[in-house]
C-alpha cells in the first residue's frame, strides 16, 4: 500500500504524513529531505545549487545518513532545495531512491507514506491513495513565520512570504515534475483546518478506501 501526499511548502503535508505513517505503522519518507540534503551539501561546498554538474554529483552520493539534521529545515536550505529540484538530472537520480522505498518498505512494513511535490503524478502515479493539500500563500507564510520565530525572533514575515511565493513559482513552472495535483487525488484545503481536523479527514478517507478493498 502506498499513500501519496503532495502539496506546496508549508501546507501541512509533512506533519500529516508522519501522523498517518505512525497510525498505519507504515514506512515514511519526506521526499523533500532528499532535495534539501542535496541543496545543503552544495551550500556547504560553497557552490551554486543551480549548477547542474555540482548538484548531480552531490545527489549521486547521497545516503540515508544525510537526511538527518536540523539545518535541513532552514529557509536557506529550502530555497537551495527548490533550485536543485528544478534540475531534471537531479530528479532522475533521486527518483530511484523514492520508488525503491515505496515498493519495498524497510523493516517489514506493509506500506509506505511519501510526501512531496510530485508523488502522485511522477514518483508513484499508481498509488491507490493520493492527497493534495493546499492553503493560501499568506496562511502558509504565517505558519512558517511562527515556526521560525521560535528559533529566530528576528524573523520577518514579509521575507518569509516572498520566499514562499518564489518557491511556489519555481516548483510550479519547472519543466520536469512540476508541482500539481494528480487528477485522482483528494484535495484538502487546510486554510481553516487545524492539524487534527486534517488528520481525521484523511484517516476517514483511508479507512473508507481500505474497507472497499478488503
C-alpha atoms as a PDB file:
ATOM      1  CA  UNK A   1       0.000   0.000   0.000  1.00  0.00           C
ATOM      2  CA  UNK A   2       1.346   3.411  -0.981  1.00  0.00           C
ATOM      3  CA  UNK A   3      -0.156   6.679   0.258  1.00  0.00           C
ATOM      4  CA  UNK A   4       0.951   9.796  -1.631  1.00  0.00           C
ATOM      5  CA  UNK A   5       0.629  13.231  -0.033  1.00  0.00           C
ATOM      6  CA  UNK A   6       1.535  16.249  -2.155  1.00  0.00           C
ATOM      7  CA  UNK A   7       1.270  19.999  -1.808  1.00  0.00           C
ATOM      8  CA  UNK A   8       3.218  23.266  -1.740  1.00  0.00           C
ATOM      9  CA  UNK A   9       5.627  24.286   1.025  1.00  0.00           C
ATOM     10  CA  UNK A  10       4.086  24.777   4.493  1.00  0.00           C
ATOM     11  CA  UNK A  11       0.724  23.283   3.504  1.00  0.00           C
ATOM     12  CA  UNK A  12       0.959  20.802   6.383  1.00  0.00           C
ATOM     13  CA  UNK A  13       1.734  17.695   4.355  1.00  0.00           C
ATOM     14  CA  UNK A  14       4.830  16.709   6.354  1.00  0.00           C
ATOM     15  CA  UNK A  15       3.067  16.798   9.704  1.00  0.00           C
ATOM     16  CA  UNK A  16       0.146  14.896   8.233  1.00  0.00           C
ATOM     17  CA  UNK A  17       2.282  12.253   6.502  1.00  0.00           C
ATOM     18  CA  UNK A  18       4.220  11.468   9.677  1.00  0.00           C
ATOM     19  CA  UNK A  19       0.991  11.044  11.667  1.00  0.00           C
ATOM     20  CA  UNK A  20      -0.584   8.844   9.001  1.00  0.00           C
ATOM     21  CA  UNK A  21       2.529   6.664   8.785  1.00  0.00           C
ATOM     22  CA  UNK A  22       2.536   6.286  12.564  1.00  0.00           C
ATOM     23  CA  UNK A  23      -1.161   5.447  12.727  1.00  0.00           C
ATOM     24  CA  UNK A  24      -0.861   2.875   9.936  1.00  0.00           C
ATOM     25  CA  UNK A  25       2.556   1.550  11.038  1.00  0.00           C
ATOM     26  CA  UNK A  26       3.884   2.302   7.558  1.00  0.00           C
ATOM     27  CA  UNK A  27       7.310   3.469   6.450  1.00  0.00           C
ATOM     28  CA  UNK A  28       7.585   7.230   5.965  1.00  0.00           C
ATOM     29  CA  UNK A  29       9.669   9.303   3.568  1.00  0.00           C
ATOM     30  CA  UNK A  30       9.755  13.070   3.386  1.00  0.00           C
ATOM     31  CA  UNK A  31      10.991  13.210  -0.191  1.00  0.00           C
ATOM     32  CA  UNK A  32      11.749  16.893   0.181  1.00  0.00           C
ATOM     33  CA  UNK A  33      14.597  15.929   2.514  1.00  0.00           C
ATOM     34  CA  UNK A  34      16.382  14.313  -0.428  1.00  0.00           C
ATOM     35  CA  UNK A  35      16.433  17.668  -2.206  1.00  0.00           C
ATOM     36  CA  UNK A  36      17.144  19.583   0.996  1.00  0.00           C
ATOM     37  CA  UNK A  37      20.099  17.306   1.761  1.00  0.00           C
ATOM     38  CA  UNK A  38      21.411  17.788  -1.765  1.00  0.00           C
ATOM     39  CA  UNK A  39      20.993  21.553  -1.531  1.00  0.00           C
ATOM     40  CA  UNK A  40      22.604  21.663   1.929  1.00  0.00           C
ATOM     41  CA  UNK A  41      25.658  19.756   0.727  1.00  0.00           C
ATOM     42  CA  UNK A  42      26.066  22.055  -2.258  1.00  0.00           C
ATOM     43  CA  UNK A  43      25.864  25.102   0.024  1.00  0.00           C
ATOM     44  CA  UNK A  44      28.379  23.529   2.414  1.00  0.00           C
ATOM     45  CA  UNK A  45      30.783  23.290  -0.509  1.00  0.00           C
ATOM     46  CA  UNK A  46      30.270  26.994  -1.167  1.00  0.00           C
ATOM     47  CA  UNK A  47      28.855  26.262  -4.613  1.00  0.00           C
ATOM     48  CA  UNK A  48      25.741  27.220  -6.580  1.00  0.00           C
ATOM     49  CA  UNK A  49      22.676  24.923  -6.146  1.00  0.00           C
ATOM     50  CA  UNK A  50      21.671  25.816  -9.700  1.00  0.00           C
ATOM     51  CA  UNK A  51      24.897  24.319 -11.109  1.00  0.00           C
ATOM     52  CA  UNK A  52      23.762  21.078 -12.740  1.00  0.00           C
ATOM     53  CA  UNK A  53      27.075  19.205 -12.613  1.00  0.00           C
ATOM     54  CA  UNK A  54      27.642  20.041  -8.954  1.00  0.00           C
ATOM     55  CA  UNK A  55      24.084  19.200  -7.871  1.00  0.00           C
ATOM     56  CA  UNK A  56      24.021  15.901  -9.778  1.00  0.00           C
ATOM     57  CA  UNK A  57      27.379  14.875  -8.332  1.00  0.00           C
ATOM     58  CA  UNK A  58      26.141  15.527  -4.799  1.00  0.00           C
ATOM     59  CA  UNK A  59      22.811  13.740  -5.386  1.00  0.00           C
ATOM     60  CA  UNK A  60      24.579  10.630  -6.674  1.00  0.00           C
ATOM     61  CA  UNK A  61      26.487  10.292  -3.383  1.00  0.00           C
ATOM     62  CA  UNK A  62      23.521  10.951  -1.106  1.00  0.00           C
ATOM     63  CA  UNK A  63      22.885   8.396   1.642  1.00  0.00           C
ATOM     64  CA  UNK A  64      20.247   7.805   4.307  1.00  0.00           C
ATOM     65  CA  UNK A  65      22.526   9.359   6.950  1.00  0.00           C
ATOM     66  CA  UNK A  66      22.395  12.660   5.060  1.00  0.00           C
ATOM     67  CA  UNK A  67      18.665  13.043   5.750  1.00  0.00           C
ATOM     68  CA  UNK A  68      19.097  13.939   9.424  1.00  0.00           C
ATOM     69  CA  UNK A  69      19.913  17.305  10.933  1.00  0.00           C
ATOM     70  CA  UNK A  70      18.040  20.452  11.913  1.00  0.00           C
ATOM     71  CA  UNK A  71      19.991  22.513   9.380  1.00  0.00           C
ATOM     72  CA  UNK A  72      17.952  20.843   6.633  1.00  0.00           C
ATOM     73  CA  UNK A  73      14.890  22.776   7.846  1.00  0.00           C
ATOM     74  CA  UNK A  74      16.371  26.243   7.356  1.00  0.00           C
ATOM     75  CA  UNK A  75      14.913  28.644   4.795  1.00  0.00           C
ATOM     76  CA  UNK A  76      18.294  28.938   3.071  1.00  0.00           C
ATOM     77  CA  UNK A  77      18.425  25.180   2.547  1.00  0.00           C
ATOM     78  CA  UNK A  78      14.770  25.168   1.481  1.00  0.00           C
ATOM     79  CA  UNK A  79      15.498  27.638  -1.286  1.00  0.00           C
ATOM     80  CA  UNK A  80      18.566  25.659  -2.359  1.00  0.00           C
ATOM     81  CA  UNK A  81      16.418  22.518  -2.426  1.00  0.00           C
ATOM     82  CA  UNK A  82      13.926  24.211  -4.739  1.00  0.00           C
ATOM     83  CA  UNK A  83      16.784  25.072  -7.120  1.00  0.00           C
ATOM     84  CA  UNK A  84      18.338  21.590  -7.245  1.00  0.00           C
ATOM     85  CA  UNK A  85      14.851  20.077  -7.597  1.00  0.00           C
ATOM     86  CA  UNK A  86      14.387  22.040 -10.827  1.00  0.00           C
ATOM     87  CA  UNK A  87      17.325  20.148 -12.414  1.00  0.00           C
ATOM     88  CA  UNK A  88      15.999  17.120 -14.387  1.00  0.00           C
ATOM     89  CA  UNK A  89      19.135  15.001 -13.866  1.00  0.00           C
ATOM     90  CA  UNK A  90      18.972  15.503 -10.096  1.00  0.00           C
ATOM     91  CA  UNK A  91      15.350  14.382 -10.059  1.00  0.00           C
ATOM     92  CA  UNK A  92      16.236  11.323 -12.138  1.00  0.00           C
ATOM     93  CA  UNK A  93      18.980  10.336  -9.680  1.00  0.00           C
ATOM     94  CA  UNK A  94      16.704  10.670  -6.644  1.00  0.00           C
ATOM     95  CA  UNK A  95      13.646   9.084  -8.273  1.00  0.00           C
ATOM     96  CA  UNK A  96      15.011   5.551  -7.897  1.00  0.00           C
ATOM     97  CA  UNK A  97      15.570   6.080  -4.151  1.00  0.00           C
ATOM     98  CA  UNK A  98      11.957   7.137  -3.673  1.00  0.00           C
ATOM     99  CA  UNK A  99      10.417   4.381  -5.773  1.00  0.00           C
ATOM    100  CA  UNK A 100      12.519   1.701  -4.121  1.00  0.00           C
ATOM    101  CA  UNK A 101      11.343   2.700  -0.645  1.00  0.00           C
ATOM    102  CA  UNK A 102       7.736   2.883  -1.807  1.00  0.00           C
ATOM    103  CA  UNK A 103       7.757  -0.545  -3.441  1.00  0.00           C
ATOM    104  CA  UNK A 104       9.927  -2.248  -0.788  1.00  0.00           C
ATOM    105  CA  UNK A 105       9.324  -0.507   2.564  1.00  0.00           C
ATOM    106  CA  UNK A 106      12.086  -1.128   5.128  1.00  0.00           C
ATOM    107  CA  UNK A 107      11.714  -3.071   8.390  1.00  0.00           C
ATOM    108  CA  UNK A 108       8.984  -5.310   7.043  1.00  0.00           C
ATOM    109  CA  UNK A 109       6.393  -2.519   6.889  1.00  0.00           C
ATOM    110  CA  UNK A 110       3.191  -3.292   4.979  1.00  0.00           C
ATOM    111  CA  UNK A 111       3.099   0.064   3.228  1.00  0.00           C
ATOM    112  CA  UNK A 112       4.661   3.488   2.837  1.00  0.00           C
ATOM    113  CA  UNK A 113       3.610   7.116   3.097  1.00  0.00           C
ATOM    114  CA  UNK A 114       5.523   9.565   0.914  1.00  0.00           C
ATOM    115  CA  UNK A 115       5.084  13.315   0.885  1.00  0.00           C
ATOM    116  CA  UNK A 116       6.436  15.798  -1.602  1.00  0.00           C
ATOM    117  CA  UNK A 117       5.518  17.775  -4.701  1.00  0.00           C
ATOM    118  CA  UNK A 118       5.181  15.052  -7.342  1.00  0.00           C
ATOM    119  CA  UNK A 119       4.496  11.777  -5.526  1.00  0.00           C
ATOM    120  CA  UNK A 120       1.054  11.244  -7.027  1.00  0.00           C
ATOM    121  CA  UNK A 121       1.986  12.461 -10.501  1.00  0.00           C
ATOM    122  CA  UNK A 122       5.529  11.151 -11.090  1.00  0.00           C
ATOM    123  CA  UNK A 123       7.091   9.133  -8.265  1.00  0.00           C
ATOM    124  CA  UNK A 124       4.130   6.835  -7.566  1.00  0.00           C
ATOM    125  CA  UNK A 125       1.432   7.624 -10.146  1.00  0.00           C
ATOM    126  CA  UNK A 126      -0.233   4.261  -9.456  1.00  0.00           C
ATOM    127  CA  UNK A 127      -0.530   4.860  -5.701  1.00  0.00           C
ATOM    128  CA  UNK A 128      -4.064   3.803  -4.724  1.00  0.00           C
ATOM    129  CA  UNK A 129      -4.489   6.646  -2.216  1.00  0.00           C
ATOM    130  CA  UNK A 130      -3.464  10.222  -3.022  1.00  0.00           C
ATOM    131  CA  UNK A 131      -3.992  13.510  -1.226  1.00  0.00           C
ATOM    132  CA  UNK A 132      -3.172  17.056  -2.260  1.00  0.00           C
ATOM    133  CA  UNK A 133      -3.010  19.678   0.480  1.00  0.00           C
ATOM    134  CA  UNK A 134      -3.259  23.384  -0.200  1.00  0.00           C
ATOM    135  CA  UNK A 135      -3.544  26.634   1.740  1.00  0.00           C
ATOM    136  CA  UNK A 136      -3.256  30.274   0.709  1.00  0.00           C
ATOM    137  CA  UNK A 137       0.301  31.557   0.453  1.00  0.00           C
ATOM    138  CA  UNK A 138      -0.499  34.077   3.198  1.00  0.00           C
ATOM    139  CA  UNK A 139      -1.632  31.341   5.596  1.00  0.00           C
ATOM    140  CA  UNK A 140       1.374  29.176   4.753  1.00  0.00           C
ATOM    141  CA  UNK A 141       3.716  32.119   5.284  1.00  0.00           C
ATOM    142  CA  UNK A 142       2.084  32.797   8.637  1.00  0.00           C
ATOM    143  CA  UNK A 143       2.624  29.183   9.734  1.00  0.00           C
ATOM    144  CA  UNK A 144       6.239  29.173   8.604  1.00  0.00           C
ATOM    145  CA  UNK A 145       6.828  32.576  10.220  1.00  0.00           C
ATOM    146  CA  UNK A 146       5.574  31.297  13.590  1.00  0.00           C
ATOM    147  CA  UNK A 147       7.859  28.263  13.326  1.00  0.00           C
ATOM    148  CA  UNK A 148      10.856  30.439  12.529  1.00  0.00           C
ATOM    149  CA  UNK A 149      10.094  32.889  15.326  1.00  0.00           C
ATOM    150  CA  UNK A 150      10.520  30.113  17.880  1.00  0.00           C
ATOM    151  CA  UNK A 151      14.151  29.800  16.811  1.00  0.00           C
ATOM    152  CA  UNK A 152      14.790  33.297  15.494  1.00  0.00           C
ATOM    153  CA  UNK A 153      12.798  36.202  16.996  1.00  0.00           C
ATOM    154  CA  UNK A 154      14.176  38.440  14.248  1.00  0.00           C
ATOM    155  CA  UNK A 155      12.350  36.552  11.510  1.00  0.00           C
ATOM    156  CA  UNK A 156      10.452  38.847   9.143  1.00  0.00           C
ATOM    157  CA  UNK A 157       7.008  37.830   7.840  1.00  0.00           C
ATOM    158  CA  UNK A 158       7.340  39.736   4.555  1.00  0.00           C
ATOM    159  CA  UNK A 159      10.574  37.932   3.757  1.00  0.00           C
ATOM    160  CA  UNK A 160       9.031  34.531   4.529  1.00  0.00           C
ATOM    161  CA  UNK A 161       6.054  35.387   2.296  1.00  0.00           C
ATOM    162  CA  UNK A 162       8.291  36.491  -0.573  1.00  0.00           C
ATOM    163  CA  UNK A 163      10.423  33.335  -0.355  1.00  0.00           C
ATOM    164  CA  UNK A 164       7.342  31.097  -0.384  1.00  0.00           C
ATOM    165  CA  UNK A 165       5.958  32.923  -3.423  1.00  0.00           C
ATOM    166  CA  UNK A 166       9.283  32.454  -5.223  1.00  0.00           C
ATOM    167  CA  UNK A 167       9.410  28.759  -4.304  1.00  0.00           C
ATOM    168  CA  UNK A 168       5.835  28.221  -5.463  1.00  0.00           C
ATOM    169  CA  UNK A 169       6.701  29.838  -8.791  1.00  0.00           C
ATOM    170  CA  UNK A 170       9.823  27.698  -9.251  1.00  0.00           C
ATOM    171  CA  UNK A 171       8.108  24.480  -8.210  1.00  0.00           C
ATOM    172  CA  UNK A 172       5.083  25.054 -10.457  1.00  0.00           C
ATOM    173  CA  UNK A 173       6.988  26.271 -13.510  1.00  0.00           C
ATOM    174  CA  UNK A 174       9.821  23.751 -13.710  1.00  0.00           C
ATOM    175  CA  UNK A 175       9.854  21.614 -16.841  1.00  0.00           C
ATOM    176  CA  UNK A 176      10.226  18.264 -15.068  1.00  0.00           C
ATOM    177  CA  UNK A 177       7.715  17.073 -12.444  1.00  0.00           C
ATOM    178  CA  UNK A 178       6.127  20.445 -11.680  1.00  0.00           C
ATOM    179  CA  UNK A 179       4.029  20.913  -8.565  1.00  0.00           C
ATOM    180  CA  UNK A 180       0.455  19.988  -9.470  1.00  0.00           C
ATOM    181  CA  UNK A 181      -2.410  17.891  -8.215  1.00  0.00           C
ATOM    182  CA  UNK A 182      -2.894  14.392  -9.613  1.00  0.00           C
ATOM    183  CA  UNK A 183      -6.246  14.009 -11.351  1.00  0.00           C
ATOM    184  CA  UNK A 184      -7.277  11.252  -8.931  1.00  0.00           C
ATOM    185  CA  UNK A 185      -6.034  12.933  -5.731  1.00  0.00           C
ATOM    186  CA  UNK A 186      -8.319  14.051  -2.910  1.00  0.00           C
ATOM    187  CA  UNK A 187      -7.935  17.807  -2.482  1.00  0.00           C
ATOM    188  CA  UNK A 188      -7.913  19.217   1.059  1.00  0.00           C
ATOM    189  CA  UNK A 189      -7.750  22.973   1.695  1.00  0.00           C
ATOM    190  CA  UNK A 190      -6.093  23.407   5.098  1.00  0.00           C
ATOM    191  CA  UNK A 191      -6.630  27.170   5.404  1.00  0.00           C
ATOM    192  CA  UNK A 192      -9.310  26.832   8.089  1.00  0.00           C
ATOM    193  CA  UNK A 193      -8.455  23.374   9.404  1.00  0.00           C
ATOM    194  CA  UNK A 194      -6.071  22.551  12.230  1.00  0.00           C
ATOM    195  CA  UNK A 195      -3.721  19.559  12.087  1.00  0.00           C
ATOM    196  CA  UNK A 196      -6.122  17.275  13.957  1.00  0.00           C
ATOM    197  CA  UNK A 197      -9.022  18.061  11.624  1.00  0.00           C
ATOM    198  CA  UNK A 198      -6.892  17.370   8.547  1.00  0.00           C
ATOM    199  CA  UNK A 199      -5.596  14.104  10.029  1.00  0.00           C
ATOM    200  CA  UNK A 200      -9.088  12.908  10.933  1.00  0.00           C
ATOM    201  CA  UNK A 201     -10.412  13.706   7.457  1.00  0.00           C
ATOM    202  CA  UNK A 202      -7.551  11.883   5.777  1.00  0.00           C
ATOM    203  CA  UNK A 203      -7.812   8.815   8.006  1.00  0.00           C
ATOM    204  CA  UNK A 204     -11.540   8.640   7.274  1.00  0.00           C
ATOM    205  CA  UNK A 205     -10.769   8.572   3.525  1.00  0.00           C
ATOM    206  CA  UNK A 206      -8.108   5.889   4.053  1.00  0.00           C
ATOM    207  CA  UNK A 207     -10.404   3.672   6.122  1.00  0.00           C
ATOM    208  CA  UNK A 208     -13.156   4.032   3.544  1.00  0.00           C
ATOM    209  CA  UNK A 209     -10.796   3.087   0.720  1.00  0.00           C
ATOM    210  CA  UNK A 210      -9.327   0.113   2.556  1.00  0.00           C
ATOM    211  CA  UNK A 211     -12.788  -1.060   3.589  1.00  0.00           C
ATOM    212  CA  UNK A 212     -13.847  -1.011  -0.050  1.00  0.00           C
ATOM    213  CA  UNK A 213     -10.810  -3.086  -0.988  1.00  0.00           C
ATOM    214  CA  UNK A 214     -10.938  -5.689   1.813  1.00  0.00           C
END
